[in-house]
Amino acid sequence: MTYESLVAVESRVAPGVTYAVAKMSYGRRVELMRRIRELARRMEFLEAGPEPSDRMEAGLLDAEISRLYLTWGLRSVSGLVVDGAEATPELLAESGPEDLFREALAAVRAQTGLTEVERKN
């Protein structure tokens, strides 16, 4: 048996850009859960808060969790140069086009095997 731990995903929004996304494994699932556990708890608590500032803070935590997912699961980006530098997952998250960030994030989340509802629980 031969197993490849990465899957190549071609961008639909930027022709010529390809993402290498890590497939889910038991160890990677545990690592991801450890990374997002506390942020997700805080986000859930704040989402239930009565103040608009609570919901704003929850939105910020959601964005941080999205960035964490991307940098956790995206191994490389090819075909994209940002400000003269070959794109990395971190550079894509920091300075890359938002539509590519969201597309790559969706590819990472698809590899987790969880639906949006399951991720929130």
PDB file of N, CA and C in Angstrom:
ATOM      1  N   MET A   1       0.850  -1.184   0.000  1.00  0.00           N
ATOM      2  CA  MET A   1       0.000   0.000   0.000  1.00  0.00           C
ATOM      3  C   MET A   1       0.887   1.237   0.000  1.00  0.00           C
ATOM      4  N   THR A   2       0.490   2.197  -0.761  1.00  0.00           N
ATOM      5  CA  THR A   2       1.172   3.488  -0.784  1.00  0.00           C
ATOM      6  C   THR A   2       0.161   4.545  -0.381  1.00  0.00           C
ATOM      7  N   TYR A   3       0.565   5.395   0.528  1.00  0.00           N
ATOM      8  CA  TYR A   3      -0.337   6.441   1.021  1.00  0.00           C
ATOM      9  C   TYR A   3       0.334   7.795   0.881  1.00  0.00           C
ATOM     10  N   GLU A   4      -0.344   8.721   0.283  1.00  0.00           N
ATOM     11  CA  GLU A   4       0.125  10.102   0.170  1.00  0.00           C
ATOM     12  C   GLU A   4      -0.607  10.927   1.217  1.00  0.00           C
ATOM     13  N   SER A   5       0.138  11.624   2.059  1.00  0.00           N
ATOM     14  CA  SER A   5      -0.489  12.397   3.137  1.00  0.00           C
ATOM     15  C   SER A   5      -0.917  13.787   2.704  1.00  0.00           C
ATOM     16  N   LEU A   6      -0.645  14.150   1.458  1.00  0.00           N
ATOM     17  CA  LEU A   6      -1.053  15.451   0.923  1.00  0.00           C
ATOM     18  C   LEU A   6      -1.938  15.242  -0.290  1.00  0.00           C
ATOM     19  N   VAL A   7      -2.809  16.192  -0.525  1.00  0.00           N
ATOM     20  CA  VAL A   7      -3.635  16.193  -1.721  1.00  0.00           C
ATOM     21  C   VAL A   7      -3.442  17.549  -2.416  1.00  0.00           C
ATOM     22  N   ALA A   8      -3.302  17.521  -3.720  1.00  0.00           N
ATOM     23  CA  ALA A   8      -3.153  18.753  -4.500  1.00  0.00           C
ATOM     24  C   ALA A   8      -4.535  19.254  -4.907  1.00  0.00           C
ATOM     25  N   VAL A   9      -4.744  20.539  -4.711  1.00  0.00           N
ATOM     26  CA  VAL A   9      -6.026  21.158  -5.058  1.00  0.00           C
ATOM     27  C   VAL A   9      -5.741  22.347  -5.965  1.00  0.00           C
ATOM     28  N   GLU A  10      -6.350  22.329  -7.157  1.00  0.00           N
ATOM     29  CA  GLU A  10      -6.179  23.440  -8.088  1.00  0.00           C
ATOM     30  C   GLU A  10      -7.199  24.519  -7.772  1.00  0.00           C
ATOM     31  N   SER A  11      -6.735  25.758  -7.756  1.00  0.00           N
ATOM     32  CA  SER A  11      -7.608  26.880  -7.467  1.00  0.00           C
ATOM     33  C   SER A  11      -8.629  27.073  -8.578  1.00  0.00           C
ATOM     34  N   ARG A  12      -9.829  27.379  -8.181  1.00  0.00           N
ATOM     35  CA  ARG A  12     -10.883  27.725  -9.149  1.00  0.00           C
ATOM     36  C   ARG A  12     -10.939  29.232  -9.356  1.00  0.00           C
ATOM     37  N   VAL A  13     -10.496  29.989  -8.350  1.00  0.00           N
ATOM     38  CA  VAL A  13     -10.582  31.455  -8.453  1.00  0.00           C
ATOM     39  C   VAL A  13      -9.326  32.075  -9.048  1.00  0.00           C
ATOM     40  N   ALA A  14      -8.215  31.330  -9.062  1.00  0.00           N
ATOM     41  CA  ALA A  14      -6.962  31.842  -9.623  1.00  0.00           C
ATOM     42  C   ALA A  14      -6.289  30.731 -10.425  1.00  0.00           C
ATOM     43  N   PRO A  15      -6.569  30.665 -11.706  1.00  0.00           N
ATOM     44  CA  PRO A  15      -5.947  29.630 -12.536  1.00  0.00           C
ATOM     45  C   PRO A  15      -4.421  29.655 -12.412  1.00  0.00           C
ATOM     46  N   GLY A  16      -3.847  28.456 -12.284  1.00  0.00           N
ATOM     47  CA  GLY A  16      -2.400  28.343 -12.142  1.00  0.00           C
ATOM     48  C   GLY A  16      -1.927  28.223 -10.705  1.00  0.00           C
ATOM     49  N   VAL A  17      -2.824  28.484  -9.752  1.00  0.00           N
ATOM     50  CA  VAL A  17      -2.472  28.349  -8.338  1.00  0.00           C
ATOM     51  C   VAL A  17      -2.910  26.967  -7.876  1.00  0.00           C
ATOM     52  N   THR A  18      -2.011  26.295  -7.163  1.00  0.00           N
ATOM     53  CA  THR A  18      -2.291  24.966  -6.623  1.00  0.00           C
ATOM     54  C   THR A  18      -1.930  24.944  -5.150  1.00  0.00           C
ATOM     55  N   TYR A  19      -2.763  24.299  -4.363  1.00  0.00           N
ATOM     56  CA  TYR A  19      -2.535  24.148  -2.923  1.00  0.00           C
ATOM     57  C   TYR A  19      -2.164  22.705  -2.617  1.00  0.00           C
ATOM     58  N   ALA A  20      -1.252  22.506  -1.692  1.00  0.00           N
ATOM     59  CA  ALA A  20      -0.983  21.170  -1.147  1.00  0.00           C
ATOM     60  C   ALA A  20      -1.601  21.153   0.245  1.00  0.00           C
ATOM     61  N   VAL A  21      -2.611  20.316   0.416  1.00  0.00           N
ATOM     62  CA  VAL A  21      -3.373  20.260   1.663  1.00  0.00           C
ATOM     63  C   VAL A  21      -3.118  18.916   2.334  1.00  0.00           C
ATOM     64  N   ALA A  22      -2.841  18.957   3.643  1.00  0.00           N
ATOM     65  CA  ALA A  22      -2.599  17.736   4.401  1.00  0.00           C
ATOM     66  C   ALA A  22      -3.915  16.984   4.611  1.00  0.00           C
ATOM     67  N   LYS A  23      -3.859  15.688   4.401  1.00  0.00           N
ATOM     68  CA  LYS A  23      -5.012  14.845   4.685  1.00  0.00           C
ATOM     69  C   LYS A  23      -5.120  14.639   6.194  1.00  0.00           C
ATOM     70  N   MET A  24      -6.303  14.347   6.634  1.00  0.00           N
ATOM     71  CA  MET A  24      -6.534  14.128   8.057  1.00  0.00           C
ATOM     72  C   MET A  24      -5.984  12.768   8.465  1.00  0.00           C
ATOM     73  N   SER A  25      -5.375  12.737   9.626  1.00  0.00           N
ATOM     74  CA  SER A  25      -4.935  11.495  10.249  1.00  0.00           C
ATOM     75  C   SER A  25      -5.319  11.589  11.722  1.00  0.00           C
ATOM     76  N   TYR A  26      -5.198  10.494  12.412  1.00  0.00           N
ATOM     77  CA  TYR A  26      -5.542  10.503  13.835  1.00  0.00           C
ATOM     78  C   TYR A  26      -4.687  11.519  14.598  1.00  0.00           C
ATOM     79  N   GLY A  27      -3.397  11.474  14.392  1.00  0.00           N
ATOM     80  CA  GLY A  27      -2.498  12.388  15.097  1.00  0.00           C
ATOM     81  C   GLY A  27      -2.747  13.839  14.747  1.00  0.00           C
ATOM     82  N   ARG A  28      -3.013  14.106  13.488  1.00  0.00           N
ATOM     83  CA  ARG A  28      -3.285  15.493  13.071  1.00  0.00           C
ATOM     84  C   ARG A  28      -4.611  15.981  13.654  1.00  0.00           C
ATOM     85  N   ARG A  29      -5.598  15.098  13.757  1.00  0.00           N
ATOM     86  CA  ARG A  29      -6.884  15.488  14.343  1.00  0.00           C
ATOM     87  C   ARG A  29      -6.693  15.888  15.811  1.00  0.00           C
ATOM     88  N   VAL A  30      -5.911  15.099  16.548  1.00  0.00           N
ATOM     89  CA  VAL A  30      -5.637  15.424  17.950  1.00  0.00           C
ATOM     90  C   VAL A  30      -4.918  16.773  18.048  1.00  0.00           C
ATOM     91  N   GLU A  31      -3.926  16.976  17.193  1.00  0.00           N
ATOM     92  CA  GLU A  31      -3.184  18.241  17.192  1.00  0.00           C
ATOM     93  C   GLU A  31      -4.105  19.424  16.922  1.00  0.00           C
ATOM     94  N   LEU A  32      -4.982  19.292  15.936  1.00  0.00           N
ATOM     95  CA  LEU A  32      -5.907  20.370  15.606  1.00  0.00           C
ATOM     96  C   LEU A  32      -6.851  20.661  16.768  1.00  0.00           C
ATOM     97  N   MET A  33      -7.389  19.608  17.369  1.00  0.00           N
ATOM     98  CA  MET A  33      -8.305  19.809  18.495  1.00  0.00           C
ATOM     99  C   MET A  33      -7.604  20.535  19.635  1.00  0.00           C
ATOM    100  N   ARG A  34      -6.362  20.181  19.904  1.00  0.00           N
ATOM    101  CA  ARG A  34      -5.613  20.867  20.959  1.00  0.00           C
ATOM    102  C   ARG A  34      -5.440  22.349  20.642  1.00  0.00           C
ATOM    103  N   ARG A  35      -5.167  22.657  19.382  1.00  0.00           N
ATOM    104  CA  ARG A  35      -4.918  24.045  18.991  1.00  0.00           C
ATOM    105  C   ARG A  35      -6.159  24.920  19.081  1.00  0.00           C
ATOM    106  N   ILE A  36      -7.316  24.367  18.719  1.00  0.00           N
ATOM    107  CA  ILE A  36      -8.505  25.214  18.669  1.00  0.00           C
ATOM    108  C   ILE A  36      -9.415  25.102  19.884  1.00  0.00           C
ATOM    109  N   ARG A  37      -9.159  24.159  20.744  1.00  0.00           N
ATOM    110  CA  ARG A  37     -10.054  23.878  21.871  1.00  0.00           C
ATOM    111  C   ARG A  37     -10.417  25.132  22.666  1.00  0.00           C
ATOM    112  N   GLU A  38      -9.440  25.828  23.172  1.00  0.00           N
ATOM    113  CA  GLU A  38      -9.715  26.981  24.039  1.00  0.00           C
ATOM    114  C   GLU A  38     -10.334  28.141  23.269  1.00  0.00           C
ATOM    115  N   LEU A  39      -9.855  28.386  22.058  1.00  0.00           N
ATOM    116  CA  LEU A  39     -10.439  29.457  21.248  1.00  0.00           C
ATOM    117  C   LEU A  39     -11.911  29.182  20.954  1.00  0.00           C
ATOM    118  N   ALA A  40     -12.234  27.929  20.635  1.00  0.00           N
ATOM    119  CA  ALA A  40     -13.617  27.570  20.327  1.00  0.00           C
ATOM    120  C   ALA A  40     -14.513  27.711  21.555  1.00  0.00           C
ATOM    121  N   ARG A  41     -14.002  27.346  22.717  1.00  0.00           N
ATOM    122  CA  ARG A  41     -14.792  27.513  23.956  1.00  0.00           C
ATOM    123  C   ARG A  41     -15.098  28.981  24.206  1.00  0.00           C
ATOM    124  N   ARG A  42     -14.076  29.815  24.109  1.00  0.00           N
ATOM    125  CA  ARG A  42     -14.270  31.251  24.330  1.00  0.00           C
ATOM    126  C   ARG A  42     -15.235  31.844  23.306  1.00  0.00           C
ATOM    127  N   MET A  43     -15.099  31.424  22.052  1.00  0.00           N
ATOM    128  CA  MET A  43     -15.971  31.931  21.002  1.00  0.00           C
ATOM    129  C   MET A  43     -17.428  31.571  21.297  1.00  0.00           C
ATOM    130  N   GLU A  44     -17.673  30.331  21.668  1.00  0.00           N
ATOM    131  CA  GLU A  44     -19.039  29.886  21.970  1.00  0.00           C
ATOM    132  C   GLU A  44     -19.626  30.688  23.131  1.00  0.00           C
ATOM    133  N   PHE A  45     -18.840  30.912  24.161  1.00  0.00           N
ATOM    134  CA  PHE A  45     -19.286  31.690  25.313  1.00  0.00           C
ATOM    135  C   PHE A  45     -19.637  33.119  24.891  1.00  0.00           C
ATOM    136  N   LEU A  46     -18.780  33.734  24.107  1.00  0.00           N
ATOM    137  CA  LEU A  46     -19.016  35.118  23.691  1.00  0.00           C
ATOM    138  C   LEU A  46     -20.188  35.248  22.727  1.00  0.00           C
ATOM    139  N   GLU A  47     -20.388  34.255  21.874  1.00  0.00           N
ATOM    140  CA  GLU A  47     -21.523  34.287  20.944  1.00  0.00           C
ATOM    141  C   GLU A  47     -22.848  34.350  21.691  1.00  0.00           C
ATOM    142  N   ALA A  48     -22.896  33.762  22.885  1.00  0.00           N
ATOM    143  CA  ALA A  48     -24.117  33.743  23.682  1.00  0.00           C
ATOM    144  C   ALA A  48     -24.280  35.016  24.517  1.00  0.00           C
ATOM    145  N   GLY A  49     -23.258  35.860  24.519  1.00  0.00           N
ATOM    146  CA  GLY A  49     -23.301  37.068  25.338  1.00  0.00           C
ATOM    147  C   GLY A  49     -24.311  38.087  24.835  1.00  0.00           C
ATOM    148  N   PRO A  50     -24.818  38.922  25.750  1.00  0.00           N
ATOM    149  CA  PRO A  50     -25.842  39.893  25.398  1.00  0.00           C
ATOM    150  C   PRO A  50     -25.291  41.164  24.735  1.00  0.00           C
ATOM    151  N   GLU A  51     -24.023  41.422  24.902  1.00  0.00           N
ATOM    152  CA  GLU A  51     -23.438  42.674  24.424  1.00  0.00           C
ATOM    153  C   GLU A  51     -22.934  42.553  22.985  1.00  0.00           C
ATOM    154  N   PRO A  52     -23.112  43.613  22.195  1.00  0.00           N
ATOM    155  CA  PRO A  52     -22.548  43.605  20.843  1.00  0.00           C
ATOM    156  C   PRO A  52     -21.030  43.393  20.849  1.00  0.00           C
ATOM    157  N   SER A  53     -20.362  43.893  21.870  1.00  0.00           N
ATOM    158  CA  SER A  53     -18.909  43.713  21.950  1.00  0.00           C
ATOM    159  C   SER A  53     -18.551  42.238  22.129  1.00  0.00           C
ATOM    160  N   ASP A  54     -19.425  41.461  22.787  1.00  0.00           N
ATOM    161  CA  ASP A  54     -19.194  40.026  22.931  1.00  0.00           C
ATOM    162  C   ASP A  54     -19.237  39.345  21.566  1.00  0.00           C
ATOM    163  N   ARG A  55     -20.230  39.699  20.781  1.00  0.00           N
ATOM    164  CA  ARG A  55     -20.362  39.096  19.455  1.00  0.00           C
ATOM    165  C   ARG A  55     -19.214  39.527  18.543  1.00  0.00           C
ATOM    166  N   MET A  56     -18.757  40.763  18.712  1.00  0.00           N
ATOM    167  CA  MET A  56     -17.624  41.235  17.922  1.00  0.00           C
ATOM    168  C   MET A  56     -16.358  40.434  18.286  1.00  0.00           C
ATOM    169  N   GLU A  57     -16.160  40.222  19.568  1.00  0.00           N
ATOM    170  CA  GLU A  57     -15.017  39.434  20.028  1.00  0.00           C
ATOM    171  C   GLU A  57     -15.132  37.992  19.532  1.00  0.00           C
ATOM    172  N   ALA A  58     -16.342  37.447  19.520  1.00  0.00           N
ATOM    173  CA  ALA A  58     -16.560  36.084  19.006  1.00  0.00           C
ATOM    174  C   ALA A  58     -16.202  36.028  17.520  1.00  0.00           C
ATOM    175  N   GLY A  59     -16.549  37.065  16.779  1.00  0.00           N
ATOM    176  CA  GLY A  59     -16.201  37.124  15.357  1.00  0.00           C
ATOM    177  C   GLY A  59     -14.694  37.148  15.147  1.00  0.00           C
ATOM    178  N   LEU A  60     -13.993  37.871  15.996  1.00  0.00           N
ATOM    179  CA  LEU A  60     -12.539  37.918  15.924  1.00  0.00           C
ATOM    180  C   LEU A  60     -11.942  36.535  16.215  1.00  0.00           C
ATOM    181  N   LEU A  61     -12.467  35.854  17.214  1.00  0.00           N
ATOM    182  CA  LEU A  61     -11.989  34.504  17.528  1.00  0.00           C
ATOM    183  C   LEU A  61     -12.264  33.540  16.376  1.00  0.00           C
ATOM    184  N   ASP A  62     -13.411  33.695  15.729  1.00  0.00           N
ATOM    185  CA  ASP A  62     -13.734  32.857  14.570  1.00  0.00           C
ATOM    186  C   ASP A  62     -12.708  33.074  13.465  1.00  0.00           C
ATOM    187  N   ALA A  63     -12.321  34.330  13.236  1.00  0.00           N
ATOM    188  CA  ALA A  63     -11.304  34.633  12.228  1.00  0.00           C
ATOM    189  C   ALA A  63      -9.955  34.027  12.619  1.00  0.00           C
ATOM    190  N   GLU A  64      -9.613  34.070  13.891  1.00  0.00           N
ATOM    191  CA  GLU A  64      -8.359  33.469  14.358  1.00  0.00           C
ATOM    192  C   GLU A  64      -8.377  31.956  14.163  1.00  0.00           C
ATOM    193  N   ILE A  65      -9.519  31.332  14.420  1.00  0.00           N
ATOM    194  CA  ILE A  65      -9.644  29.887  14.226  1.00  0.00           C
ATOM    195  C   ILE A  65      -9.494  29.550  12.739  1.00  0.00           C
ATOM    196  N   SER A  66     -10.077  30.359  11.875  1.00  0.00           N
ATOM    197  CA  SER A  66      -9.943  30.129  10.431  1.00  0.00           C
ATOM    198  C   SER A  66      -8.485  30.206  10.007  1.00  0.00           C
ATOM    199  N   ARG A  67      -7.782  31.207  10.493  1.00  0.00           N
ATOM    200  CA  ARG A  67      -6.364  31.348  10.159  1.00  0.00           C
ATOM    201  C   ARG A  67      -5.572  30.147  10.682  1.00  0.00           C
ATOM    202  N   LEU A  68      -5.905  29.689  11.867  1.00  0.00           N
ATOM    203  CA  LEU A  68      -5.226  28.537  12.446  1.00  0.00           C
ATOM    204  C   LEU A  68      -5.460  27.291  11.596  1.00  0.00           C
ATOM    205  N   TYR A  69      -6.718  27.074  11.170  1.00  0.00           N
ATOM    206  CA  TYR A  69      -7.028  25.952  10.287  1.00  0.00           C
ATOM    207  C   TYR A  69      -6.157  26.002   9.042  1.00  0.00           C
ATOM    208  N   LEU A  70      -6.070  27.185   8.424  1.00  0.00           N
ATOM    209  CA  LEU A  70      -5.326  27.314   7.187  1.00  0.00           C
ATOM    210  C   LEU A  70      -3.853  26.999   7.398  1.00  0.00           C
ATOM    211  N   THR A  71      -3.237  27.605   8.380  1.00  0.00           N
ATOM    212  CA  THR A  71      -1.802  27.390   8.579  1.00  0.00           C
ATOM    213  C   THR A  71      -1.515  25.975   9.085  1.00  0.00           C
ATOM    214  N   TRP A  72      -2.489  25.334   9.715  1.00  0.00           N
ATOM    215  CA  TRP A  72      -2.339  23.955  10.171  1.00  0.00           C
ATOM    216  C   TRP A  72      -2.391  22.983   9.001  1.00  0.00           C
ATOM    217  N   GLY A  73      -3.322  23.186   8.079  1.00  0.00           N
ATOM    218  CA  GLY A  73      -3.573  22.193   7.039  1.00  0.00           C
ATOM    219  C   GLY A  73      -3.001  22.481   5.667  1.00  0.00           C
ATOM    220  N   LEU A  74      -2.665  23.734   5.393  1.00  0.00           N
ATOM    221  CA  LEU A  74      -2.118  24.078   4.082  1.00  0.00           C
ATOM    222  C   LEU A  74      -0.606  23.937   4.146  1.00  0.00           C
ATOM    223  N   ARG A  75      -0.059  23.042   3.357  1.00  0.00           N
ATOM    224  CA  ARG A  75       1.383  22.777   3.398  1.00  0.00           C
ATOM    225  C   ARG A  75       2.167  23.665   2.450  1.00  0.00           C
ATOM    226  N   SER A  76       1.573  23.985   1.309  1.00  0.00           N
ATOM    227  CA  SER A  76       2.265  24.856   0.365  1.00  0.00           C
ATOM    228  C   SER A  76       1.275  25.462  -0.620  1.00  0.00           C
ATOM    229  N   VAL A  77       1.744  26.529  -1.248  1.00  0.00           N
ATOM    230  CA  VAL A  77       0.980  27.210  -2.289  1.00  0.00           C
ATOM    231  C   VAL A  77       1.943  27.383  -3.459  1.00  0.00           C
ATOM    232  N   SER A  78       1.528  26.977  -4.642  1.00  0.00           N
ATOM    233  CA  SER A  78       2.390  27.204  -5.802  1.00  0.00           C
ATOM    234  C   SER A  78       1.626  28.023  -6.835  1.00  0.00           C
ATOM    235  N   GLY A  79       2.391  28.793  -7.592  1.00  0.00           N
ATOM    236  CA  GLY A  79       1.789  29.622  -8.632  1.00  0.00           C
ATOM    237  C   GLY A  79       1.305  30.967  -8.146  1.00  0.00           C
ATOM    238  N   LEU A  80       1.687  31.363  -6.939  1.00  0.00           N
ATOM    239  CA  LEU A  80       1.261  32.647  -6.374  1.00  0.00           C
ATOM    240  C   LEU A  80       2.472  33.377  -5.811  1.00  0.00           C
ATOM    241  N   VAL A  81       2.615  34.629  -6.234  1.00  0.00           N
ATOM    242  CA  VAL A  81       3.658  35.502  -5.709  1.00  0.00           C
ATOM    243  C   VAL A  81       2.963  36.671  -5.041  1.00  0.00           C
ATOM    244  N   VAL A  82       3.329  36.952  -3.797  1.00  0.00           N
ATOM    245  CA  VAL A  82       2.739  38.053  -3.038  1.00  0.00           C
ATOM    246  C   VAL A  82       3.855  39.038  -2.705  1.00  0.00           C
ATOM    247  N   ASP A  83       3.719  40.245  -3.191  1.00  0.00           N
ATOM    248  CA  ASP A  83       4.714  41.292  -2.940  1.00  0.00           C
ATOM    249  C   ASP A  83       6.124  40.835  -3.284  1.00  0.00           C
ATOM    250  N   GLY A  84       6.260  40.119  -4.398  1.00  0.00           N
ATOM    251  CA  GLY A  84       7.569  39.689  -4.872  1.00  0.00           C
ATOM    252  C   GLY A  84       8.100  38.419  -4.239  1.00  0.00           C
ATOM    253  N   ALA A  85       7.357  37.818  -3.331  1.00  0.00           N
ATOM    254  CA  ALA A  85       7.808  36.594  -2.655  1.00  0.00           C
ATOM    255  C   ALA A  85       6.878  35.436  -2.993  1.00  0.00           C
ATOM    256  N   GLU A  86       7.496  34.238  -3.145  1.00  0.00           N
ATOM    257  CA  GLU A  86       6.687  33.039  -3.340  1.00  0.00           C
ATOM    258  C   GLU A  86       5.776  32.864  -2.127  1.00  0.00           C
ATOM    259  N   ALA A  87       4.514  32.615  -2.385  1.00  0.00           N
ATOM    260  CA  ALA A  87       3.541  32.508  -1.299  1.00  0.00           C
ATOM    261  C   ALA A  87       3.793  31.266  -0.442  1.00  0.00           C
ATOM    262  N   THR A  88       3.596  31.433   0.843  1.00  0.00           N
ATOM    263  CA  THR A  88       3.575  30.352   1.823  1.00  0.00           C
ATOM    264  C   THR A  88       2.187  30.395   2.456  1.00  0.00           C
ATOM    265  N   PRO A  89       1.809  29.375   3.207  1.00  0.00           N
ATOM    266  CA  PRO A  89       0.516  29.456   3.889  1.00  0.00           C
ATOM    267  C   PRO A  89       0.412  30.699   4.786  1.00  0.00           C
ATOM    268  N   GLU A  90       1.479  31.015   5.495  1.00  0.00           N
ATOM    269  CA  GLU A  90       1.468  32.178   6.392  1.00  0.00           C
ATOM    270  C   GLU A  90       1.334  33.474   5.601  1.00  0.00           C
ATOM    271  N   LEU A  91       2.061  33.578   4.474  1.00  0.00           N
ATOM    272  CA  LEU A  91       1.996  34.787   3.650  1.00  0.00           C
ATOM    273  C   LEU A  91       0.615  34.918   3.008  1.00  0.00           C
ATOM    274  N   LEU A  92       0.034  33.816   2.595  1.00  0.00           N
ATOM    275  CA  LEU A  92      -1.322  33.857   2.042  1.00  0.00           C
ATOM    276  C   LEU A  92      -2.292  34.394   3.082  1.00  0.00           C
ATOM    277  N   ALA A  93      -2.177  33.909   4.317  1.00  0.00           N
ATOM    278  CA  ALA A  93      -3.073  34.366   5.385  1.00  0.00           C
ATOM    279  C   ALA A  93      -2.835  35.830   5.724  1.00  0.00           C
ATOM    280  N   GLU A  94      -1.593  36.255   5.721  1.00  0.00           N
ATOM    281  CA  GLU A  94      -1.244  37.614   6.137  1.00  0.00           C
ATOM    282  C   GLU A  94      -1.512  38.663   5.061  1.00  0.00           C
ATOM    283  N   SER A  95      -1.088  38.387   3.831  1.00  0.00           N
ATOM    284  CA  SER A  95      -1.103  39.435   2.804  1.00  0.00           C
ATOM    285  C   SER A  95      -1.693  39.018   1.471  1.00  0.00           C
ATOM    286  N   GLY A  96      -2.096  37.761   1.345  1.00  0.00           N
ATOM    287  CA  GLY A  96      -2.607  37.282   0.062  1.00  0.00           C
ATOM    288  C   GLY A  96      -4.032  37.708  -0.203  1.00  0.00           C
ATOM    289  N   PRO A  97      -4.511  37.421  -1.400  1.00  0.00           N
ATOM    290  CA  PRO A  97      -5.891  37.758  -1.760  1.00  0.00           C
ATOM    291  C   PRO A  97      -6.889  36.991  -0.884  1.00  0.00           C
ATOM    292  N   GLU A  98      -7.893  37.703  -0.394  1.00  0.00           N
ATOM    293  CA  GLU A  98      -8.843  37.069   0.518  1.00  0.00           C
ATOM    294  C   GLU A  98      -9.614  35.933  -0.139  1.00  0.00           C
ATOM    295  N   ASP A  99      -9.939  36.079  -1.423  1.00  0.00           N
ATOM    296  CA  ASP A  99     -10.689  35.002  -2.077  1.00  0.00           C
ATOM    297  C   ASP A  99      -9.857  33.713  -2.149  1.00  0.00           C
ATOM    298  N   LEU A 100      -8.544  33.826  -2.329  1.00  0.00           N
ATOM    299  CA  LEU A 100      -7.691  32.637  -2.318  1.00  0.00           C
ATOM    300  C   LEU A 100      -7.569  32.070  -0.911  1.00  0.00           C
ATOM    301  N   PHE A 101      -7.477  32.948   0.076  1.00  0.00           N
ATOM    302  CA  PHE A 101      -7.450  32.482   1.469  1.00  0.00           C
ATOM    303  C   PHE A 101      -8.695  31.656   1.761  1.00  0.00           C
ATOM    304  N   ARG A 102      -9.856  32.183   1.406  1.00  0.00           N
ATOM    305  CA  ARG A 102     -11.111  31.483   1.697  1.00  0.00           C
ATOM    306  C   ARG A 102     -11.219  30.166   0.924  1.00  0.00           C
ATOM    307  N   GLU A 103     -10.755  30.155  -0.304  1.00  0.00           N
ATOM    308  CA  GLU A 103     -10.787  28.929  -1.092  1.00  0.00           C
ATOM    309  C   GLU A 103      -9.854  27.871  -0.481  1.00  0.00           C
ATOM    310  N   ALA A 104      -8.646  28.264  -0.110  1.00  0.00           N
ATOM    311  CA  ALA A 104      -7.705  27.332   0.505  1.00  0.00           C
ATOM    312  C   ALA A 104      -8.238  26.848   1.848  1.00  0.00           C
ATOM    313  N   LEU A 105      -8.843  27.746   2.614  1.00  0.00           N
ATOM    314  CA  LEU A 105      -9.441  27.361   3.895  1.00  0.00           C
ATOM    315  C   LEU A 105     -10.524  26.309   3.685  1.00  0.00           C
ATOM    316  N   ALA A 106     -11.350  26.490   2.670  1.00  0.00           N
ATOM    317  CA  ALA A 106     -12.403  25.511   2.372  1.00  0.00           C
ATOM    318  C   ALA A 106     -11.787  24.155   2.008  1.00  0.00           C
ATOM    319  N   ALA A 107     -10.668  24.169   1.282  1.00  0.00           N
ATOM    320  CA  ALA A 107      -9.997  22.917   0.919  1.00  0.00           C
ATOM    321  C   ALA A 107      -9.449  22.217   2.162  1.00  0.00           C
ATOM    322  N   VAL A 108      -8.890  22.990   3.085  1.00  0.00           N
ATOM    323  CA  VAL A 108      -8.382  22.414   4.331  1.00  0.00           C
ATOM    324  C   VAL A 108      -9.531  21.832   5.138  1.00  0.00           C
ATOM    325  N   ARG A 109     -10.590  22.593   5.281  1.00  0.00           N
ATOM    326  CA  ARG A 109     -11.729  22.121   6.070  1.00  0.00           C
ATOM    327  C   ARG A 109     -12.368  20.886   5.448  1.00  0.00           C
ATOM    328  N   ALA A 110     -12.372  20.817   4.133  1.00  0.00           N
ATOM    329  CA  ALA A 110     -12.923  19.627   3.466  1.00  0.00           C
ATOM    330  C   ALA A 110     -12.118  18.388   3.842  1.00  0.00           C
ATOM    331  N   GLN A 111     -10.813  18.534   4.025  1.00  0.00           N
ATOM    332  CA  GLN A 111      -9.969  17.401   4.404  1.00  0.00           C
ATOM    333  C   GLN A 111     -10.186  16.958   5.847  1.00  0.00           C
ATOM    334  N   THR A 112     -10.736  17.834   6.678  1.00  0.00           N
ATOM    335  CA  THR A 112     -10.998  17.432   8.061  1.00  0.00           C
ATOM    336  C   THR A 112     -12.158  16.456   8.134  1.00  0.00           C
ATOM    337  N   GLY A 113     -13.005  16.448   7.104  1.00  0.00           N
ATOM    338  CA  GLY A 113     -14.125  15.531   7.082  1.00  0.00           C
ATOM    339  C   GLY A 113     -15.300  15.980   7.928  1.00  0.00           C
ATOM    340  N   LEU A 114     -15.239  17.224   8.433  1.00  0.00           N
ATOM    341  CA  LEU A 114     -16.322  17.745   9.255  1.00  0.00           C
ATOM    342  C   LEU A 114     -17.143  18.762   8.486  1.00  0.00           C
ATOM    343  N   THR A 115     -18.440  18.744   8.710  1.00  0.00           N
ATOM    344  CA  THR A 115     -19.304  19.767   8.153  1.00  0.00           C
ATOM    345  C   THR A 115     -19.196  21.022   8.999  1.00  0.00           C
ATOM    346  N   GLU A 116     -19.724  22.126   8.525  1.00  0.00           N
ATOM    347  CA  GLU A 116     -19.705  23.378   9.278  1.00  0.00           C
ATOM    348  C   GLU A 116     -20.386  23.219  10.641  1.00  0.00           C
ATOM    349  N   VAL A 117     -21.506  22.513  10.689  1.00  0.00           N
ATOM    350  CA  VAL A 117     -22.229  22.292  11.946  1.00  0.00           C
ATOM    351  C   VAL A 117     -21.384  21.464  12.905  1.00  0.00           C
ATOM    352  N   GLU A 118     -20.737  20.414  12.400  1.00  0.00           N
ATOM    353  CA  GLU A 118     -19.903  19.557  13.253  1.00  0.00           C
ATOM    354  C   GLU A 118     -18.719  20.335  13.819  1.00  0.00           C
ATOM    355  N   ARG A 119     -18.134  21.238  13.015  1.00  0.00           N
ATOM    356  CA  ARG A 119     -17.001  22.044  13.497  1.00  0.00           C
ATOM    357  C   ARG A 119     -17.413  22.957  14.626  1.00  0.00           C
ATOM    358  N   LYS A 120     -18.655  23.439  14.603  1.00  0.00           N
ATOM    359  CA  LYS A 120     -19.125  24.359  15.647  1.00  0.00           C
ATOM    360  C   LYS A 120     -19.429  23.624  16.938  1.00  0.00           C
ATOM    361  N   ASN A 121     -19.677  22.322  16.862  1.00  0.00           N
ATOM    362  CA  ASN A 121     -20.001  21.545  18.074  1.00  0.00           C
ATOM    363  C   ASN A 121     -18.769  21.023  18.644  1.00  0.00           C
TER     364      ASN A 121
END
